[in-house]
Amino acid sequence: MKRFIFLFISIFYIFIFSTDLLSIFPTPIGEGGKGAVLTFSSTRVPLFFYNPSNSSNIFKEQRENFSFFYEHKFLFSNISNYNNFSILFPEIKRVSLGVQVINQNIDDIPIYPEYSDSISFIPAGYFSDNSFAGIFNFSYSYSGKDFYELNFGGNIKTIYHRIYKNVGVGFGVDLGTTFKLCFDNFKNRVPGIFALSFVYRDIAKTRVVWDTDSNTVSLINDRFFSAISYEINIQKIRSKIFSEFSFDIGSKIVSSSIIYTYSDLIGFNLGYKHILFESFNPQNIGFGIFLNITKFSIYYSFTMFDIGNSNSLGISYSF
């Protein structure tokens, strides 16, 4: 029975880890709950987890900053808890580096006896599902006379996952690239910044090896994403509007988001995620708000899921 419980929870969690944790869970101001974060990033909220080149996608003057970011998520009506701590180092000769530690846990999972003389719904005990992921990020930025920018990046991931008495360890690699065309700097001064991104996540599948008698191996399938975005700076009203559209080619999931910022001080974001050609569903909408106070930034986001709503809180400091 314990072996069955381990197998069931493993399959469930691998699905959560490879699908929700990597793309659906609400993130900071970029995703808008369920939108996209493949071309958007800042030193206030480094989003290289979703696209490794994002650590170089921030504005040039911000790349000299040292940034800390912490986020806590109350997932699925607090069934699960998620913690994320990120550090983004100042750029050195066009190279940006970042590190990230992610933890997600599910506590008080009941264990029921395999055989019993009477029907009982009283658990024989409880166990926890606890996982960690450590990420080392690197990216490089190349620009051509301020008219365009080409960024490349990679993530090296280490996974530690404990379920009941068993432990799984794995390693993975992500690659991403972003091309930006800065219309503002052309002679005719067409407003806005156009960006195109491609991300290849879990290259050749990420293997997680468990310390079972048979050395069970779980695989996180590789996934390919593409995204297009446009950002416009409306100086007369001190506002910026960013919009992004992305596509998960394997699962045919379409994501879109919009971020409005006023005077780099306050703003909101709205996102929508759905399967291609699927009818409109209000539960696919997520939203968030954020506030920047000098070197500090705080945000809140909310998303809906069938098994419970999720809330996210985050704070960052950049200097």
Protein backbone atom coordinates (compact mmCIF):
# COMPACT_ATOMS: atom_id res chain seq x y z
CA MET A 1 0.00 0.00 0.00
CA LYS A 2 2.82 2.40 0.85
CA ARG A 3 4.37 1.64 -2.52
CA PHE A 4 1.05 2.45 -4.19
CA ILE A 5 0.75 5.72 -2.27
CA PHE A 6 4.30 6.65 -3.28
CA LEU A 7 3.61 5.89 -6.94
CA PHE A 8 0.31 7.81 -6.96
CA ILE A 9 1.72 10.91 -5.28
CA SER A 10 4.82 10.77 -7.50
CA ILE A 11 2.73 10.81 -10.67
CA PHE A 12 0.53 13.60 -9.30
CA TYR A 13 3.46 15.74 -8.27
CA ILE A 14 5.46 15.22 -11.45
CA PHE A 15 2.40 16.49 -13.32
CA ILE A 16 2.17 19.51 -11.02
CA PHE A 17 5.90 20.18 -11.21
CA SER A 18 6.27 19.84 -14.96
CA THR A 19 3.06 21.69 -15.87
CA ASP A 20 1.78 24.07 -13.21
CA LEU A 21 4.94 24.99 -11.36
CA LEU A 22 6.79 25.71 -14.59
CA SER A 23 4.13 27.71 -16.36
CA ILE A 24 0.76 28.15 -14.67
CA PHE A 25 1.37 29.12 -11.05
CA PRO A 26 0.99 32.86 -10.47
CA THR A 27 4.24 34.78 -10.56
CA PRO A 28 5.05 38.42 -9.97
CA ILE A 29 4.00 41.39 -12.05
CA GLY A 30 4.81 39.73 -15.35
CA GLU A 31 2.38 36.87 -15.53
CA GLY A 32 -0.74 38.60 -14.36
CA GLY A 33 -1.77 35.41 -12.63
CA LYS A 34 -2.09 33.35 -15.79
CA GLY A 35 -0.50 35.47 -18.48
CA ALA A 36 2.99 35.28 -19.92
CA VAL A 37 6.48 36.18 -18.71
CA LEU A 38 8.75 35.13 -21.56
CA THR A 39 9.84 38.61 -22.70
CA PHE A 40 9.28 40.70 -19.56
CA SER A 41 11.68 41.15 -16.66
CA SER A 42 13.12 43.77 -14.32
CA THR A 43 15.65 43.99 -11.52
CA ARG A 44 12.72 44.38 -9.14
CA VAL A 45 11.32 41.00 -10.19
CA PRO A 46 13.88 38.82 -12.01
CA LEU A 47 11.95 36.29 -14.09
CA PHE A 48 14.75 34.13 -15.49
CA PHE A 49 12.94 31.03 -14.19
CA TYR A 50 10.56 31.21 -17.17
CA ASN A 51 13.03 32.45 -19.78
CA PRO A 52 16.77 32.21 -19.01
CA SER A 53 17.49 35.27 -21.17
CA ASN A 54 15.23 37.42 -18.98
CA SER A 55 18.15 38.32 -16.71
CA SER A 56 19.48 40.36 -19.66
CA ASN A 57 16.09 41.61 -20.87
CA ILE A 58 16.00 44.40 -18.30
CA PHE A 59 16.91 47.99 -19.18
CA LYS A 60 20.62 48.64 -19.58
CA GLU A 61 20.82 51.16 -16.71
CA GLN A 62 19.24 48.59 -14.35
CA ARG A 63 21.77 45.86 -15.08
CA GLU A 64 24.26 47.45 -12.69
CA ASN A 65 21.92 46.80 -9.76
CA PHE A 66 22.09 44.06 -7.14
CA SER A 67 18.59 42.62 -6.57
CA PHE A 68 16.95 40.38 -3.96
CA PHE A 69 13.49 38.95 -4.39
CA TYR A 70 11.27 36.82 -2.13
CA GLU A 71 7.84 35.42 -2.97
CA HIS A 72 5.33 33.28 -1.09
CA LYS A 73 2.33 31.60 -2.70
CA PHE A 74 -0.73 30.15 -1.00
CA LEU A 75 -1.65 27.57 -3.63
CA PHE A 76 -5.05 25.96 -4.20
CA SER A 77 -6.80 27.38 -1.11
CA ASN A 78 -3.60 26.84 0.87
CA ILE A 79 -3.37 23.11 0.13
CA SER A 80 0.23 23.71 -0.87
CA ASN A 81 2.79 26.40 -0.03
CA TYR A 82 5.45 27.76 -2.35
CA ASN A 83 8.54 29.87 -1.57
CA ASN A 84 10.90 31.51 -4.03
CA PHE A 85 14.12 33.40 -3.26
CA SER A 86 16.10 34.96 -6.11
CA ILE A 87 19.28 37.01 -6.43
CA LEU A 88 20.30 38.88 -9.58
CA PHE A 89 23.92 40.07 -9.71
CA PRO A 90 25.17 43.22 -11.50
CA GLU A 91 26.10 42.76 -15.14
CA ILE A 92 29.79 42.29 -15.93
CA LYS A 93 30.91 42.76 -19.55
CA ARG A 94 27.42 42.02 -20.93
CA VAL A 95 27.11 38.84 -18.81
CA SER A 96 24.36 38.59 -16.18
CA LEU A 97 24.23 35.94 -13.44
CA GLY A 98 21.44 34.91 -11.10
CA VAL A 99 20.62 32.23 -8.54
CA GLN A 100 17.25 31.01 -7.32
CA VAL A 101 15.97 28.58 -4.69
CA ILE A 102 12.38 27.31 -4.92
CA ASN A 103 10.53 25.23 -2.34
CA GLN A 104 7.06 23.72 -2.55
CA ASN A 105 5.45 21.47 0.06
CA ILE A 106 2.20 19.65 0.74
CA ASP A 107 1.74 18.62 4.38
CA ASP A 108 -0.63 16.28 6.22
CA ILE A 109 -1.24 13.84 3.36
CA PRO A 110 -3.24 10.98 4.96
CA ILE A 111 -2.22 7.31 4.90
CA TYR A 112 -5.11 4.84 5.05
CA PRO A 113 -4.71 1.16 6.02
CA GLU A 114 -4.73 -1.30 3.13
CA TYR A 115 -6.87 -3.86 4.95
CA SER A 116 -9.44 -3.32 7.70
CA ASP A 117 -12.26 -5.34 9.29
CA SER A 118 -14.49 -2.27 9.31
CA ILE A 119 -14.94 0.72 7.06
CA SER A 120 -13.10 3.67 8.56
CA PHE A 121 -12.06 7.03 7.23
CA ILE A 122 -9.59 7.65 10.05
CA PRO A 123 -6.02 7.88 8.66
CA ALA A 124 -3.37 5.58 10.05
CA GLY A 125 -0.87 8.45 9.79
CA TYR A 126 0.30 11.40 7.72
CA PHE A 127 3.27 12.28 5.54
CA SER A 128 4.60 15.26 3.60
CA ASP A 129 5.61 15.99 0.02
CA ASN A 130 8.51 18.46 -0.02
CA SER A 131 10.58 19.57 -2.99
CA PHE A 132 13.42 22.00 -3.66
CA ALA A 133 14.86 23.33 -6.89
CA GLY A 134 18.12 25.27 -7.14
CA ILE A 135 18.73 27.27 -10.32
CA PHE A 136 21.91 28.89 -11.61
CA ASN A 137 21.20 31.38 -14.40
CA PHE A 138 23.53 33.00 -16.90
CA SER A 139 22.79 35.23 -19.89
CA TYR A 140 24.59 37.40 -22.44
CA SER A 141 23.35 40.57 -24.13
CA TYR A 142 24.45 41.87 -27.52
CA SER A 143 23.18 45.20 -28.83
CA GLY A 144 23.57 46.99 -32.14
CA LYS A 145 23.75 50.79 -31.83
CA ASP A 146 20.75 50.79 -29.49
CA PHE A 147 18.46 49.79 -32.37
CA TYR A 148 18.23 46.13 -31.48
CA GLU A 149 19.25 43.72 -28.74
CA LEU A 150 19.83 39.97 -28.82
CA ASN A 151 19.96 38.07 -25.52
CA PHE A 152 20.87 34.45 -24.85
CA GLY A 153 20.54 32.59 -21.56
CA GLY A 154 20.59 29.25 -19.81
CA ASN A 155 19.40 27.71 -16.54
CA ILE A 156 21.09 24.79 -14.81
CA LYS A 157 18.61 23.19 -12.39
CA THR A 158 19.05 20.81 -9.47
CA ILE A 159 15.95 19.12 -8.04
CA TYR A 160 15.61 17.54 -4.59
CA HIS A 161 12.22 15.94 -3.91
CA ARG A 162 11.17 14.01 -0.80
CA ILE A 163 7.90 12.06 -0.59
CA TYR A 164 7.24 10.07 2.59
CA LYS A 165 10.51 8.15 3.14
CA ASN A 166 11.80 8.35 -0.42
CA VAL A 167 14.06 10.95 -2.01
CA GLY A 168 14.47 11.86 -5.67
CA VAL A 169 17.33 13.89 -7.17
CA GLY A 170 17.47 15.31 -10.68
CA PHE A 171 19.24 17.75 -12.98
CA GLY A 172 17.91 19.78 -15.90
CA VAL A 173 18.81 22.49 -18.40
CA ASP A 174 16.76 25.29 -19.98
CA LEU A 175 17.73 27.58 -22.85
CA GLY A 176 16.14 30.84 -23.96
CA THR A 177 16.70 33.73 -26.35
CA THR A 178 15.04 37.11 -26.87
CA PHE A 179 15.33 39.55 -29.77
CA LYS A 180 14.31 43.17 -29.14
CA LEU A 181 13.79 45.89 -31.73
CA CYS A 182 13.78 49.40 -30.24
CA PHE A 183 11.63 51.54 -32.53
CA ASP A 184 12.15 54.57 -30.26
CA ASN A 185 15.72 54.94 -31.45
CA PHE A 186 15.00 54.96 -35.18
CA LYS A 187 15.24 58.26 -37.04
CA ASN A 188 11.48 58.41 -37.62
CA ARG A 189 10.89 57.55 -33.93
CA VAL A 190 8.11 55.01 -34.13
CA PRO A 191 7.17 54.47 -30.46
CA GLY A 192 7.61 51.17 -28.69
CA ILE A 193 9.79 48.10 -28.21
CA PHE A 194 9.04 44.88 -30.07
CA ALA A 195 10.33 41.56 -28.65
CA LEU A 196 10.36 37.94 -29.81
CA SER A 197 11.35 35.05 -27.52
CA PHE A 198 11.96 31.31 -27.83
CA VAL A 199 12.43 29.01 -24.84
CA TYR A 200 13.39 25.33 -24.77
CA ARG A 201 12.70 23.98 -21.28
CA ASP A 202 13.97 20.69 -19.78
CA ILE A 203 16.18 19.84 -22.75
CA ALA A 204 16.23 16.10 -23.53
CA LYS A 205 13.87 15.61 -20.55
CA THR A 206 14.84 16.18 -16.92
CA ARG A 207 15.50 12.92 -15.07
CA VAL A 208 14.64 12.52 -11.38
CA VAL A 209 16.15 9.35 -9.86
CA TRP A 210 14.55 7.97 -6.67
CA ASP A 211 16.17 5.93 -3.91
CA THR A 212 13.69 3.06 -4.25
CA ASP A 213 14.76 -0.57 -4.52
CA SER A 214 14.37 -0.37 -8.30
CA ASN A 215 15.86 3.16 -8.62
CA THR A 216 12.65 4.55 -10.10
CA VAL A 217 13.20 7.30 -12.69
CA SER A 218 10.66 10.10 -13.25
CA LEU A 219 10.88 12.19 -16.41
CA ILE A 220 9.86 15.85 -16.84
CA ASN A 221 9.15 16.22 -20.55
CA ASP A 222 10.85 18.89 -22.60
CA ARG A 223 8.69 21.82 -23.75
CA PHE A 224 9.07 24.55 -26.35
CA PHE A 225 7.61 28.06 -26.01
CA SER A 226 7.45 31.09 -28.26
CA ALA A 227 6.30 34.62 -27.40
CA ILE A 228 5.83 38.03 -28.96
CA SER A 229 5.40 41.31 -27.09
CA TYR A 230 5.11 45.05 -27.55
CA GLU A 231 5.83 47.81 -25.03
CA ILE A 232 4.98 51.48 -25.45
CA ASN A 233 6.01 54.44 -23.29
CA ILE A 234 3.40 57.21 -23.23
CA GLN A 235 5.42 60.07 -21.77
CA LYS A 236 2.58 62.62 -21.70
CA ILE A 237 0.73 60.62 -19.07
CA ARG A 238 3.87 59.03 -17.55
CA SER A 239 2.62 55.55 -18.38
CA LYS A 240 3.96 52.31 -19.85
CA ILE A 241 1.85 49.58 -21.39
CA PHE A 242 3.30 46.12 -21.99
CA SER A 243 1.44 43.30 -23.73
CA GLU A 244 2.57 39.75 -24.52
CA PHE A 245 1.20 36.74 -26.35
CA SER A 246 2.83 33.31 -25.94
CA PHE A 247 2.26 29.77 -27.13
CA ASP A 248 3.23 26.43 -25.55
CA ILE A 249 3.68 24.36 -28.69
CA GLY A 250 3.44 20.93 -27.06
CA SER A 251 0.33 21.45 -24.95
CA LYS A 252 -1.18 24.07 -27.31
CA ILE A 253 -1.73 26.46 -24.40
CA VAL A 254 -2.09 30.11 -25.33
CA SER A 255 -1.26 32.86 -22.83
CA SER A 256 -1.73 36.60 -23.04
CA SER A 257 -1.07 39.40 -20.59
CA ILE A 258 -1.07 43.16 -20.24
CA ILE A 259 0.86 45.25 -17.70
CA TYR A 260 0.14 48.90 -17.02
CA THR A 261 2.63 51.01 -15.05
CA TYR A 262 2.20 54.61 -13.96
CA SER A 263 5.33 56.68 -13.33
CA ASP A 264 7.26 53.50 -12.43
CA LEU A 265 5.39 53.70 -9.12
CA ILE A 266 2.17 51.71 -9.26
CA GLY A 267 0.45 49.41 -11.72
CA PHE A 268 -1.65 46.37 -12.41
CA ASN A 269 -1.46 43.30 -14.60
CA LEU A 270 -4.06 41.04 -16.18
CA GLY A 271 -3.55 37.60 -17.73
CA TYR A 272 -5.52 34.91 -19.51
CA LYS A 273 -4.41 31.33 -20.21
CA HIS A 274 -6.36 28.72 -22.19
CA ILE A 275 -6.03 25.77 -24.54
CA LEU A 276 -6.06 26.74 -28.21
CA PHE A 277 -9.62 27.06 -29.61
CA GLU A 278 -11.11 26.50 -26.13
CA SER A 279 -14.21 28.54 -25.27
CA PHE A 280 -13.92 31.44 -22.82
CA ASN A 281 -13.68 30.45 -19.15
CA PRO A 282 -13.53 33.14 -16.40
CA GLN A 283 -11.41 30.80 -14.27
CA ASN A 284 -8.59 31.22 -16.78
CA ILE A 285 -8.21 34.88 -15.76
CA GLY A 286 -5.66 36.12 -13.23
CA PHE A 287 -4.72 39.59 -12.05
CA GLY A 288 -2.26 41.41 -9.83
CA ILE A 289 -1.24 44.81 -8.49
CA PHE A 290 2.18 46.17 -7.59
CA LEU A 291 3.76 49.16 -5.89
CA ASN A 292 7.33 50.43 -6.23
CA ILE A 293 8.69 52.51 -3.34
CA THR A 294 12.21 53.79 -4.04
CA LYS A 295 14.33 50.63 -3.97
CA PHE A 296 11.55 48.38 -2.69
CA SER A 297 8.76 46.70 -4.65
CA ILE A 298 5.75 44.76 -3.37
CA TYR A 299 3.06 42.91 -5.29
CA TYR A 300 -0.02 40.76 -4.92
CA SER A 301 -1.63 38.44 -7.49
CA PHE A 302 -4.70 36.20 -7.55
CA THR A 303 -5.61 33.23 -9.76
CA MET A 304 -8.47 30.75 -9.89
CA PHE A 305 -8.22 26.97 -10.30
CA ASP A 306 -10.77 24.16 -10.17
CA ILE A 307 -9.29 22.77 -6.95
CA GLY A 308 -8.96 26.14 -5.20
CA ASN A 309 -7.83 29.72 -5.67
CA SER A 310 -4.22 30.81 -5.28
CA ASN A 311 -2.73 34.00 -3.82
CA SER A 312 0.80 35.34 -4.17
CA LEU A 313 2.73 37.94 -2.18
CA GLY A 314 6.19 39.18 -3.04
CA ILE A 315 8.78 41.79 -2.08
CA SER A 316 12.04 42.83 -3.71
CA TYR A 317 14.94 45.16 -2.95
CA SER A 318 17.33 46.53 -5.54
CA PHE A 319 20.42 48.67 -5.03
